[in-house]
Amino acid sequence: MTTVTVSIPEDGMALEALEGLVAQAINKAGRDLLQQACRAIEDDLLHKRNPRIWRGKRRPLHLLTHFGWIGLMRWQMRGGQRCYCYLLDDVLGHKPRQHASPWITEQAVALATRLPYRQAAQLLSEIIDEIIDHRPLYRPGQDLRLASHLPARLVASDPRFPPHFPQPPQVGQAP
């Protein structure tokens, strides 16, 4: 069980400051709980693993989540034909070179389909209280790459996002 504690000065504080303190404490607790859960899942998997697979090295993974950045140390496993895998990644559905949780990716796609990339990154930064660069939102091959089939499904009926404005026609094209 995780306990969240917030200290309030005797002379009180403004609601905005109190809300900020509570949000920081909740995000820290969320990061700690995610790390503990991942360690417990991996420990359980290590006890149940195939005896032909053995531990290699512990490798870090830095992952941006709803609660901010977390760091995980996970075992790199080796198989019989010198293949490598991460048991934790397989269970969580984590892909190689992915540094954003599915929730972060979904929010980034939803925002980037309705807003300019810089504004989308700024809004997502404010939501999760972490600095996010706008370039991964549109650079091919990055974590937060936009997929052509996602925008309509994710945000078409969501009233939180402004309506999509069509792009102006290119020079030399009919409107």
C-alpha atoms as a PDB file:
ATOM      1  CA  MET A   1       0.000   0.000   0.000  1.00  0.00           C
ATOM      2  CA  THR A   2       1.304   3.450  -0.913  1.00  0.00           C
ATOM      3  CA  THR A   3       0.656   6.462   1.264  1.00  0.00           C
ATOM      4  CA  VAL A   4       0.572   9.992  -0.106  1.00  0.00           C
ATOM      5  CA  THR A   5       1.473  12.763   2.334  1.00  0.00           C
ATOM      6  CA  VAL A   6       1.237  16.503   1.723  1.00  0.00           C
ATOM      7  CA  SER A   7       2.507  19.099   4.218  1.00  0.00           C
ATOM      8  CA  ILE A   8       0.415  22.240   4.573  1.00  0.00           C
ATOM      9  CA  PRO A   9       1.877  25.279   6.373  1.00  0.00           C
ATOM     10  CA  GLU A  10       0.093  26.449   9.529  1.00  0.00           C
ATOM     11  CA  ASP A  11      -0.822  29.789   7.986  1.00  0.00           C
ATOM     12  CA  GLY A  12      -2.490  27.968   5.082  1.00  0.00           C
ATOM     13  CA  MET A  13      -1.942  28.260   1.365  1.00  0.00           C
ATOM     14  CA  ALA A  14      -3.808  29.169  -1.774  1.00  0.00           C
ATOM     15  CA  LEU A  15      -5.922  26.501  -3.465  1.00  0.00           C
ATOM     16  CA  GLU A  16      -3.715  26.650  -6.561  1.00  0.00           C
ATOM     17  CA  ALA A  17      -0.588  25.904  -4.516  1.00  0.00           C
ATOM     18  CA  LEU A  18      -2.345  23.117  -2.599  1.00  0.00           C
ATOM     19  CA  GLU A  19      -3.609  21.589  -5.824  1.00  0.00           C
ATOM     20  CA  GLY A  20      -0.076  21.656  -7.229  1.00  0.00           C
ATOM     21  CA  LEU A  21       1.345  19.929  -4.143  1.00  0.00           C
ATOM     22  CA  VAL A  22      -1.318  17.227  -4.275  1.00  0.00           C
ATOM     23  CA  ALA A  23      -0.713  16.668  -8.009  1.00  0.00           C
ATOM     24  CA  GLN A  24       3.045  16.315  -7.442  1.00  0.00           C
ATOM     25  CA  ALA A  25       2.490  13.816  -4.626  1.00  0.00           C
ATOM     26  CA  ILE A  26       0.033  11.786  -6.694  1.00  0.00           C
ATOM     27  CA  ASN A  27       2.374  11.717  -9.703  1.00  0.00           C
ATOM     28  CA  LYS A  28       5.270  10.557  -7.514  1.00  0.00           C
ATOM     29  CA  ALA A  29       3.074   7.834  -5.998  1.00  0.00           C
ATOM     30  CA  GLY A  30       1.938   6.805  -9.493  1.00  0.00           C
ATOM     31  CA  ARG A  31       5.532   6.529 -10.723  1.00  0.00           C
ATOM     32  CA  ASP A  32       6.504   4.486  -7.662  1.00  0.00           C
ATOM     33  CA  LEU A  33       3.516   2.154  -8.061  1.00  0.00           C
ATOM     34  CA  LEU A  34       4.254   1.591 -11.759  1.00  0.00           C
ATOM     35  CA  GLN A  35       7.877   0.741 -10.987  1.00  0.00           C
ATOM     36  CA  GLN A  36       6.878  -1.621  -8.172  1.00  0.00           C
ATOM     37  CA  ALA A  37       4.267  -3.334 -10.354  1.00  0.00           C
ATOM     38  CA  CYS A  38       6.755  -3.835 -13.192  1.00  0.00           C
ATOM     39  CA  ARG A  39       9.347  -5.284 -10.786  1.00  0.00           C
ATOM     40  CA  ALA A  40       6.742  -7.677  -9.342  1.00  0.00           C
ATOM     41  CA  ILE A  41       5.618  -8.788 -12.813  1.00  0.00           C
ATOM     42  CA  GLU A  42       9.204  -9.387 -13.927  1.00  0.00           C
ATOM     43  CA  ASP A  43      10.081 -11.301 -10.740  1.00  0.00           C
ATOM     44  CA  ASP A  44       7.068 -13.553 -11.278  1.00  0.00           C
ATOM     45  CA  LEU A  45       8.049 -14.120 -14.910  1.00  0.00           C
ATOM     46  CA  LEU A  46      11.631 -14.977 -13.950  1.00  0.00           C
ATOM     47  CA  HIS A  47      10.393 -17.734 -11.616  1.00  0.00           C
ATOM     48  CA  LYS A  48       8.155 -19.213 -14.328  1.00  0.00           C
ATOM     49  CA  ARG A  49      10.564 -18.880 -17.273  1.00  0.00           C
ATOM     50  CA  ASN A  50      11.715 -21.649 -19.563  1.00  0.00           C
ATOM     51  CA  PRO A  51      14.977 -23.180 -18.251  1.00  0.00           C
ATOM     52  CA  ARG A  52      16.527 -22.782 -21.726  1.00  0.00           C
ATOM     53  CA  ILE A  53      16.361 -19.019 -21.325  1.00  0.00           C
ATOM     54  CA  TRP A  54      18.824 -17.424 -18.939  1.00  0.00           C
ATOM     55  CA  ARG A  55      19.483 -13.959 -17.598  1.00  0.00           C
ATOM     56  CA  GLY A  56      21.905 -11.748 -19.418  1.00  0.00           C
ATOM     57  CA  LYS A  57      22.327  -8.134 -18.328  1.00  0.00           C
ATOM     58  CA  ARG A  58      20.032  -5.652 -16.642  1.00  0.00           C
ATOM     59  CA  ARG A  59      19.136  -2.927 -19.096  1.00  0.00           C
ATOM     60  CA  PRO A  60      17.459   0.420 -18.427  1.00  0.00           C
ATOM     61  CA  LEU A  61      14.232   1.631 -19.961  1.00  0.00           C
ATOM     62  CA  HIS A  62      13.093   5.235 -19.596  1.00  0.00           C
ATOM     63  CA  LEU A  63       9.388   5.546 -20.257  1.00  0.00           C
ATOM     64  CA  LEU A  64       7.139   8.620 -20.354  1.00  0.00           C
ATOM     65  CA  THR A  65       3.853   7.770 -18.637  1.00  0.00           C
ATOM     66  CA  HIS A  66       0.735   9.531 -17.421  1.00  0.00           C
ATOM     67  CA  PHE A  67       2.655  10.213 -14.182  1.00  0.00           C
ATOM     68  CA  GLY A  68       5.854  11.491 -15.821  1.00  0.00           C
ATOM     69  CA  TRP A  69       9.147   9.776 -16.620  1.00  0.00           C
ATOM     70  CA  ILE A  70       9.919   6.468 -14.941  1.00  0.00           C
ATOM     71  CA  GLY A  71      13.070   4.402 -15.090  1.00  0.00           C
ATOM     72  CA  LEU A  72      12.903   0.627 -15.161  1.00  0.00           C
ATOM     73  CA  MET A  73      15.760  -1.844 -14.941  1.00  0.00           C
ATOM     74  CA  ARG A  74      14.759  -5.057 -16.678  1.00  0.00           C
ATOM     75  CA  TRP A  75      16.552  -8.305 -17.387  1.00  0.00           C
ATOM     76  CA  GLN A  76      17.729  -8.970 -20.904  1.00  0.00           C
ATOM     77  CA  MET A  77      17.199 -12.688 -21.450  1.00  0.00           C
ATOM     78  CA  ARG A  78      19.198 -14.928 -23.779  1.00  0.00           C
ATOM     79  CA  GLY A  79      17.895 -17.955 -25.586  1.00  0.00           C
ATOM     80  CA  GLY A  80      19.529 -20.961 -27.184  1.00  0.00           C
ATOM     81  CA  GLN A  81      20.258 -19.373 -30.571  1.00  0.00           C
ATOM     82  CA  ARG A  82      21.771 -16.226 -29.031  1.00  0.00           C
ATOM     83  CA  CYS A  83      18.502 -14.350 -29.357  1.00  0.00           C
ATOM     84  CA  TYR A  84      17.720 -11.640 -26.839  1.00  0.00           C
ATOM     85  CA  CYS A  85      14.391 -10.663 -25.338  1.00  0.00           C
ATOM     86  CA  TYR A  86      12.868  -8.876 -22.379  1.00  0.00           C
ATOM     87  CA  LEU A  87      10.201 -10.877 -20.562  1.00  0.00           C
ATOM     88  CA  LEU A  88       8.642  -7.735 -19.110  1.00  0.00           C
ATOM     89  CA  ASP A  89       8.379  -6.090 -22.534  1.00  0.00           C
ATOM     90  CA  ASP A  90       6.645  -9.135 -23.970  1.00  0.00           C
ATOM     91  CA  VAL A  91       4.005  -9.156 -21.223  1.00  0.00           C
ATOM     92  CA  LEU A  92       3.408  -5.384 -21.323  1.00  0.00           C
ATOM     93  CA  GLY A  93       3.319  -5.260 -25.131  1.00  0.00           C
ATOM     94  CA  HIS A  94       6.230  -2.822 -25.182  1.00  0.00           C
ATOM     95  CA  LYS A  95       8.001  -2.382 -28.515  1.00  0.00           C
ATOM     96  CA  PRO A  96      11.753  -1.766 -28.935  1.00  0.00           C
ATOM     97  CA  ARG A  97      12.812   1.900 -28.926  1.00  0.00           C
ATOM     98  CA  GLN A  98       9.411   2.959 -27.611  1.00  0.00           C
ATOM     99  CA  HIS A  99       9.737   5.549 -24.853  1.00  0.00           C
ATOM    100  CA  ALA A 100       6.113   6.600 -24.417  1.00  0.00           C
ATOM    101  CA  SER A 101       3.288   4.657 -22.820  1.00  0.00           C
ATOM    102  CA  PRO A 102       0.233   3.872 -24.953  1.00  0.00           C
ATOM    103  CA  TRP A 103      -1.755   6.539 -23.080  1.00  0.00           C
ATOM    104  CA  ILE A 104       0.836   9.210 -23.915  1.00  0.00           C
ATOM    105  CA  THR A 105       0.909   8.116 -27.559  1.00  0.00           C
ATOM    106  CA  GLU A 106      -2.890   8.192 -27.783  1.00  0.00           C
ATOM    107  CA  GLN A 107      -3.050  11.689 -26.282  1.00  0.00           C
ATOM    108  CA  ALA A 108      -0.279  12.942 -28.567  1.00  0.00           C
ATOM    109  CA  VAL A 109      -2.035  11.602 -31.653  1.00  0.00           C
ATOM    110  CA  ALA A 110      -5.369  13.064 -30.554  1.00  0.00           C
ATOM    111  CA  LEU A 111      -3.849  16.498 -29.949  1.00  0.00           C
ATOM    112  CA  ALA A 112      -1.594  16.537 -33.010  1.00  0.00           C
ATOM    113  CA  THR A 113      -4.491  15.761 -35.341  1.00  0.00           C
ATOM    114  CA  ARG A 114      -6.409  18.821 -34.136  1.00  0.00           C
ATOM    115  CA  LEU A 115      -3.685  21.338 -33.300  1.00  0.00           C
ATOM    116  CA  PRO A 116      -0.333  22.421 -34.734  1.00  0.00           C
ATOM    117  CA  TYR A 117       2.453  20.167 -33.465  1.00  0.00           C
ATOM    118  CA  ARG A 118       4.060  22.789 -31.224  1.00  0.00           C
ATOM    119  CA  GLN A 119       0.739  23.596 -29.555  1.00  0.00           C
ATOM    120  CA  ALA A 120      -0.082  19.905 -29.195  1.00  0.00           C
ATOM    121  CA  ALA A 121       3.274  19.246 -27.521  1.00  0.00           C
ATOM    122  CA  GLN A 122       2.843  22.263 -25.249  1.00  0.00           C
ATOM    123  CA  LEU A 123      -0.649  21.168 -24.181  1.00  0.00           C
ATOM    124  CA  LEU A 124       0.479  17.593 -23.537  1.00  0.00           C
ATOM    125  CA  SER A 125       3.422  18.977 -21.543  1.00  0.00           C
ATOM    126  CA  GLU A 126       1.014  20.917 -19.359  1.00  0.00           C
ATOM    127  CA  ILE A 127      -1.261  17.905 -18.883  1.00  0.00           C
ATOM    128  CA  ILE A 128       1.498  15.617 -17.606  1.00  0.00           C
ATOM    129  CA  ASP A 129       3.798  18.328 -16.204  1.00  0.00           C
ATOM    130  CA  GLU A 130       6.804  17.194 -18.250  1.00  0.00           C
ATOM    131  CA  ILE A 131       8.599  18.932 -21.100  1.00  0.00           C
ATOM    132  CA  ILE A 132       7.795  17.351 -24.465  1.00  0.00           C
ATOM    133  CA  ASP A 133       9.520  18.272 -27.692  1.00  0.00           C
ATOM    134  CA  HIS A 134       7.215  18.825 -30.661  1.00  0.00           C
ATOM    135  CA  ARG A 135       9.496  17.089 -33.197  1.00  0.00           C
ATOM    136  CA  PRO A 136       8.638  13.456 -32.295  1.00  0.00           C
ATOM    137  CA  LEU A 137       4.982  14.234 -33.028  1.00  0.00           C
ATOM    138  CA  TYR A 138       5.655  14.316 -36.758  1.00  0.00           C
ATOM    139  CA  ARG A 139       9.112  12.840 -37.352  1.00  0.00           C
ATOM    140  CA  PRO A 140       8.777   9.435 -39.058  1.00  0.00           C
ATOM    141  CA  GLY A 141      10.022   6.478 -37.059  1.00  0.00           C
ATOM    142  CA  GLN A 142       9.672   8.146 -33.658  1.00  0.00           C
ATOM    143  CA  ASP A 143       7.574   6.967 -30.717  1.00  0.00           C
ATOM    144  CA  LEU A 144       4.702   9.353 -31.233  1.00  0.00           C
ATOM    145  CA  ARG A 145       4.458   8.910 -34.979  1.00  0.00           C
ATOM    146  CA  LEU A 146       1.053   9.682 -36.403  1.00  0.00           C
ATOM    147  CA  ALA A 147      -0.808   6.815 -38.017  1.00  0.00           C
ATOM    148  CA  SER A 148      -3.216   7.647 -40.813  1.00  0.00           C
ATOM    149  CA  HIS A 149      -6.026   5.437 -39.429  1.00  0.00           C
ATOM    150  CA  LEU A 150      -5.991   6.821 -35.874  1.00  0.00           C
ATOM    151  CA  PRO A 151      -7.236  10.421 -36.030  1.00  0.00           C
ATOM    152  CA  ALA A 152     -10.863   9.814 -36.998  1.00  0.00           C
ATOM    153  CA  ARG A 153     -11.263   6.959 -34.541  1.00  0.00           C
ATOM    154  CA  LEU A 154      -9.642   8.757 -31.607  1.00  0.00           C
ATOM    155  CA  VAL A 155     -10.894  12.308 -31.723  1.00  0.00           C
ATOM    156  CA  ALA A 156     -13.709  12.691 -34.232  1.00  0.00           C
ATOM    157  CA  SER A 157     -16.409  12.852 -31.576  1.00  0.00           C
ATOM    158  CA  ASP A 158     -14.353  14.247 -28.686  1.00  0.00           C
ATOM    159  CA  PRO A 159     -15.632  17.742 -27.782  1.00  0.00           C
ATOM    160  CA  ARG A 160     -12.417  18.630 -25.917  1.00  0.00           C
ATOM    161  CA  PHE A 161     -10.581  19.228 -29.200  1.00  0.00           C
ATOM    162  CA  PRO A 162     -11.295  21.979 -31.684  1.00  0.00           C
ATOM    163  CA  PRO A 163     -12.651  20.999 -35.100  1.00  0.00           C
ATOM    164  CA  HIS A 164     -10.089  20.124 -37.735  1.00  0.00           C
ATOM    165  CA  PHE A 165      -9.493  22.932 -40.170  1.00  0.00           C
ATOM    166  CA  PRO A 166      -8.679  21.820 -43.719  1.00  0.00           C
ATOM    167  CA  GLN A 167      -5.234  22.673 -45.032  1.00  0.00           C
ATOM    168  CA  PRO A 168      -5.118  25.497 -47.566  1.00  0.00           C
ATOM    169  CA  PRO A 169      -4.645  24.300 -51.140  1.00  0.00           C
ATOM    170  CA  GLN A 170      -1.103  24.158 -52.475  1.00  0.00           C
ATOM    171  CA  VAL A 171      -0.006  26.749 -54.998  1.00  0.00           C
ATOM    172  CA  GLY A 172      -1.186  25.681 -58.431  1.00  0.00           C
ATOM    173  CA  GLN A 173      -3.949  23.381 -57.150  1.00  0.00           C
ATOM    174  CA  ALA A 174      -7.645  24.040 -57.321  1.00  0.00           C
ATOM    175  CA  PRO A 175      -9.378  24.467 -53.940  1.00  0.00           C
END
